[in-house]
Amino acid sequence: MFERFLAEFLEKALGQYVDIQGLDKSALEVSAWKGTVELEKLVLKPRSLCEVFGLPFELEGSIGQLHLKVPWKSLGTKPVRATVKDLEVVIRPTSIRPEEFTAREW
């Protein structure tokens, strides 16, 4: 049950940025209770990244490994740490003209 909840949470949290459809729920259960979650071979969703961040170029790429360290006992006071290994990104200019691009405020 917990692994299903965690898989759904990861899908909602990361799903707009990466493709995590092939998530191994049984592997999640074992590591999640220890406070670690490792995801491998994630594919970046190019359209989503550009739309979310308002970028005037296209991105494509992958993440070899995403490691999350979750401090369950201190979740409200300590940060969740994320480590990315083997990040590969290809950037291409879009056909958007500069006057069509509107910068986002962060």
C-alpha atoms as a PDB file:
ATOM      1  CA  MET A   1       0.000   0.000   0.000  1.00  0.00           C
ATOM      2  CA  PHE A   2       2.734   2.455   0.949  1.00  0.00           C
ATOM      3  CA  GLU A   3       4.648   1.837  -2.270  1.00  0.00           C
ATOM      4  CA  ARG A   4       1.498   2.601  -4.281  1.00  0.00           C
ATOM      5  CA  PHE A   5       1.043   5.889  -2.408  1.00  0.00           C
ATOM      6  CA  LEU A   6       4.708   6.760  -2.900  1.00  0.00           C
ATOM      7  CA  ALA A   7       4.563   5.917  -6.608  1.00  0.00           C
ATOM      8  CA  GLU A   8       1.500   8.150  -7.020  1.00  0.00           C
ATOM      9  CA  PHE A   9       3.195  10.951  -5.084  1.00  0.00           C
ATOM     10  CA  LEU A  10       6.343  10.718  -7.213  1.00  0.00           C
ATOM     11  CA  GLU A  11       4.219  10.692 -10.352  1.00  0.00           C
ATOM     12  CA  LYS A  12       2.486  13.909  -9.267  1.00  0.00           C
ATOM     13  CA  ALA A  13       5.641  15.623  -8.031  1.00  0.00           C
ATOM     14  CA  LEU A  14       8.001  14.622 -10.847  1.00  0.00           C
ATOM     15  CA  GLY A  15       5.628  13.495 -13.575  1.00  0.00           C
ATOM     16  CA  GLN A  16       5.376  16.861 -15.271  1.00  0.00           C
ATOM     17  CA  TYR A  17       9.155  16.946 -15.743  1.00  0.00           C
ATOM     18  CA  VAL A  18      10.180  13.307 -16.305  1.00  0.00           C
ATOM     19  CA  ASP A  19       8.625  10.099 -17.565  1.00  0.00           C
ATOM     20  CA  ILE A  20       8.335   7.699 -14.622  1.00  0.00           C
ATOM     21  CA  GLN A  21       5.691   5.348 -16.000  1.00  0.00           C
ATOM     22  CA  GLY A  22       7.817   2.204 -15.571  1.00  0.00           C
ATOM     23  CA  LEU A  23       8.305   2.660 -11.836  1.00  0.00           C
ATOM     24  CA  ASP A  24       9.129  -0.568  -9.949  1.00  0.00           C
ATOM     25  CA  LYS A  25       6.799  -0.323  -6.941  1.00  0.00           C
ATOM     26  CA  SER A  26       8.293  -3.327  -5.119  1.00  0.00           C
ATOM     27  CA  ALA A  27      11.759  -1.742  -5.188  1.00  0.00           C
ATOM     28  CA  LEU A  28      10.287   1.491  -3.860  1.00  0.00           C
ATOM     29  CA  GLU A  29       8.833  -0.183  -0.781  1.00  0.00           C
ATOM     30  CA  VAL A  30      12.127  -1.614   0.426  1.00  0.00           C
ATOM     31  CA  SER A  31      14.170   1.550   0.080  1.00  0.00           C
ATOM     32  CA  ALA A  32      11.495   4.100   0.990  1.00  0.00           C
ATOM     33  CA  TRP A  33      11.102   2.853   4.546  1.00  0.00           C
ATOM     34  CA  LYS A  34      14.844   3.397   4.983  1.00  0.00           C
ATOM     35  CA  GLY A  35      14.444   6.991   3.808  1.00  0.00           C
ATOM     36  CA  THR A  36      16.032   6.556   0.406  1.00  0.00           C
ATOM     37  CA  VAL A  37      14.425   6.425  -3.004  1.00  0.00           C
ATOM     38  CA  GLU A  38      16.415   5.799  -6.165  1.00  0.00           C
ATOM     39  CA  LEU A  39      15.010   6.228  -9.652  1.00  0.00           C
ATOM     40  CA  GLU A  40      17.031   5.325 -12.719  1.00  0.00           C
ATOM     41  CA  LYS A  41      16.931   6.054 -16.434  1.00  0.00           C
ATOM     42  CA  LEU A  42      14.433   8.904 -16.329  1.00  0.00           C
ATOM     43  CA  VAL A  43      13.602  10.664 -19.579  1.00  0.00           C
ATOM     44  CA  LEU A  44      13.024  14.427 -19.427  1.00  0.00           C
ATOM     45  CA  LYS A  45       9.760  15.644 -20.926  1.00  0.00           C
ATOM     46  CA  PRO A  46      10.934  18.404 -23.279  1.00  0.00           C
ATOM     47  CA  ARG A  47       7.658  20.239 -23.802  1.00  0.00           C
ATOM     48  CA  SER A  48       6.809  20.330 -20.139  1.00  0.00           C
ATOM     49  CA  LEU A  49      10.144  21.810 -19.099  1.00  0.00           C
ATOM     50  CA  CYS A  50       9.928  24.567 -21.687  1.00  0.00           C
ATOM     51  CA  GLU A  51       6.339  25.415 -20.819  1.00  0.00           C
ATOM     52  CA  VAL A  52       6.847  25.320 -17.062  1.00  0.00           C
ATOM     53  CA  PHE A  53       9.951  27.493 -17.090  1.00  0.00           C
ATOM     54  CA  GLY A  54       8.961  29.679 -20.065  1.00  0.00           C
ATOM     55  CA  LEU A  55      12.125  28.869 -21.985  1.00  0.00           C
ATOM     56  CA  PRO A  56      12.628  30.046 -25.606  1.00  0.00           C
ATOM     57  CA  PHE A  57      14.287  26.782 -26.585  1.00  0.00           C
ATOM     58  CA  GLU A  58      13.588  23.073 -26.636  1.00  0.00           C
ATOM     59  CA  LEU A  59      15.138  20.637 -24.215  1.00  0.00           C
ATOM     60  CA  GLU A  60      15.521  16.913 -24.356  1.00  0.00           C
ATOM     61  CA  GLY A  61      17.576  14.603 -22.233  1.00  0.00           C
ATOM     62  CA  SER A  62      17.746  12.077 -19.462  1.00  0.00           C
ATOM     63  CA  ILE A  63      18.704  11.535 -15.844  1.00  0.00           C
ATOM     64  CA  GLY A  64      20.792   8.448 -15.208  1.00  0.00           C
ATOM     65  CA  GLN A  65      19.944   8.302 -11.513  1.00  0.00           C
ATOM     66  CA  LEU A  66      17.870  10.382  -9.112  1.00  0.00           C
ATOM     67  CA  HIS A  67      18.535   9.682  -5.433  1.00  0.00           C
ATOM     68  CA  LEU A  68      16.160  11.108  -2.805  1.00  0.00           C
ATOM     69  CA  LYS A  69      16.979  11.091   0.906  1.00  0.00           C
ATOM     70  CA  VAL A  70      13.811  11.560   2.973  1.00  0.00           C
ATOM     71  CA  PRO A  71      14.204  12.206   6.742  1.00  0.00           C
ATOM     72  CA  TRP A  72      10.871  10.622   7.768  1.00  0.00           C
ATOM     73  CA  LYS A  73      11.298  11.332  11.490  1.00  0.00           C
ATOM     74  CA  SER A  74      12.162  15.008  10.878  1.00  0.00           C
ATOM     75  CA  LEU A  75      10.221  15.678   7.698  1.00  0.00           C
ATOM     76  CA  GLY A  76       8.960  19.081   8.841  1.00  0.00           C
ATOM     77  CA  THR A  77      12.331  20.328  10.052  1.00  0.00           C
ATOM     78  CA  LYS A  78      14.955  18.718   7.814  1.00  0.00           C
ATOM     79  CA  PRO A  79      15.138  18.981   4.019  1.00  0.00           C
ATOM     80  CA  VAL A  80      14.547  16.220   1.519  1.00  0.00           C
ATOM     81  CA  ARG A  81      17.800  15.911  -0.413  1.00  0.00           C
ATOM     82  CA  ALA A  82      17.887  15.116  -4.115  1.00  0.00           C
ATOM     83  CA  THR A  83      21.043  14.038  -5.945  1.00  0.00           C
ATOM     84  CA  VAL A  84      21.136  13.757  -9.721  1.00  0.00           C
ATOM     85  CA  LYS A  85      23.761  11.652 -11.480  1.00  0.00           C
ATOM     86  CA  ASP A  86      24.467  11.405 -15.188  1.00  0.00           C
ATOM     87  CA  LEU A  87      22.335  14.306 -16.371  1.00  0.00           C
ATOM     88  CA  GLU A  88      22.301  14.742 -20.143  1.00  0.00           C
ATOM     89  CA  VAL A  89      20.526  17.715 -21.727  1.00  0.00           C
ATOM     90  CA  VAL A  90      20.338  18.803 -25.369  1.00  0.00           C
ATOM     91  CA  ILE A  91      19.224  22.416 -25.953  1.00  0.00           C
ATOM     92  CA  ARG A  92      17.890  23.682 -29.287  1.00  0.00           C
ATOM     93  CA  PRO A  93      16.552  27.138 -30.144  1.00  0.00           C
ATOM     94  CA  THR A  94      12.838  27.249 -30.938  1.00  0.00           C
ATOM     95  CA  SER A  95      11.169  29.063 -33.757  1.00  0.00           C
ATOM     96  CA  ILE A  96       9.721  31.604 -31.319  1.00  0.00           C
ATOM     97  CA  ARG A  97      10.579  35.174 -32.243  1.00  0.00           C
ATOM     98  CA  PRO A  98      12.046  37.283 -29.423  1.00  0.00           C
ATOM     99  CA  GLU A  99       8.981  39.548 -29.294  1.00  0.00           C
ATOM    100  CA  GLU A 100       6.790  36.482 -28.626  1.00  0.00           C
ATOM    101  CA  PHE A 101       8.863  35.390 -25.656  1.00  0.00           C
ATOM    102  CA  THR A 102       7.655  36.645 -22.292  1.00  0.00           C
ATOM    103  CA  ALA A 103       9.964  36.175 -19.346  1.00  0.00           C
ATOM    104  CA  ARG A 104       8.553  34.722 -16.173  1.00  0.00           C
ATOM    105  CA  GLU A 105       8.996  36.262 -12.777  1.00  0.00           C
ATOM    106  CA  TRP A 106      10.480  33.899 -10.208  1.00  0.00           C
END
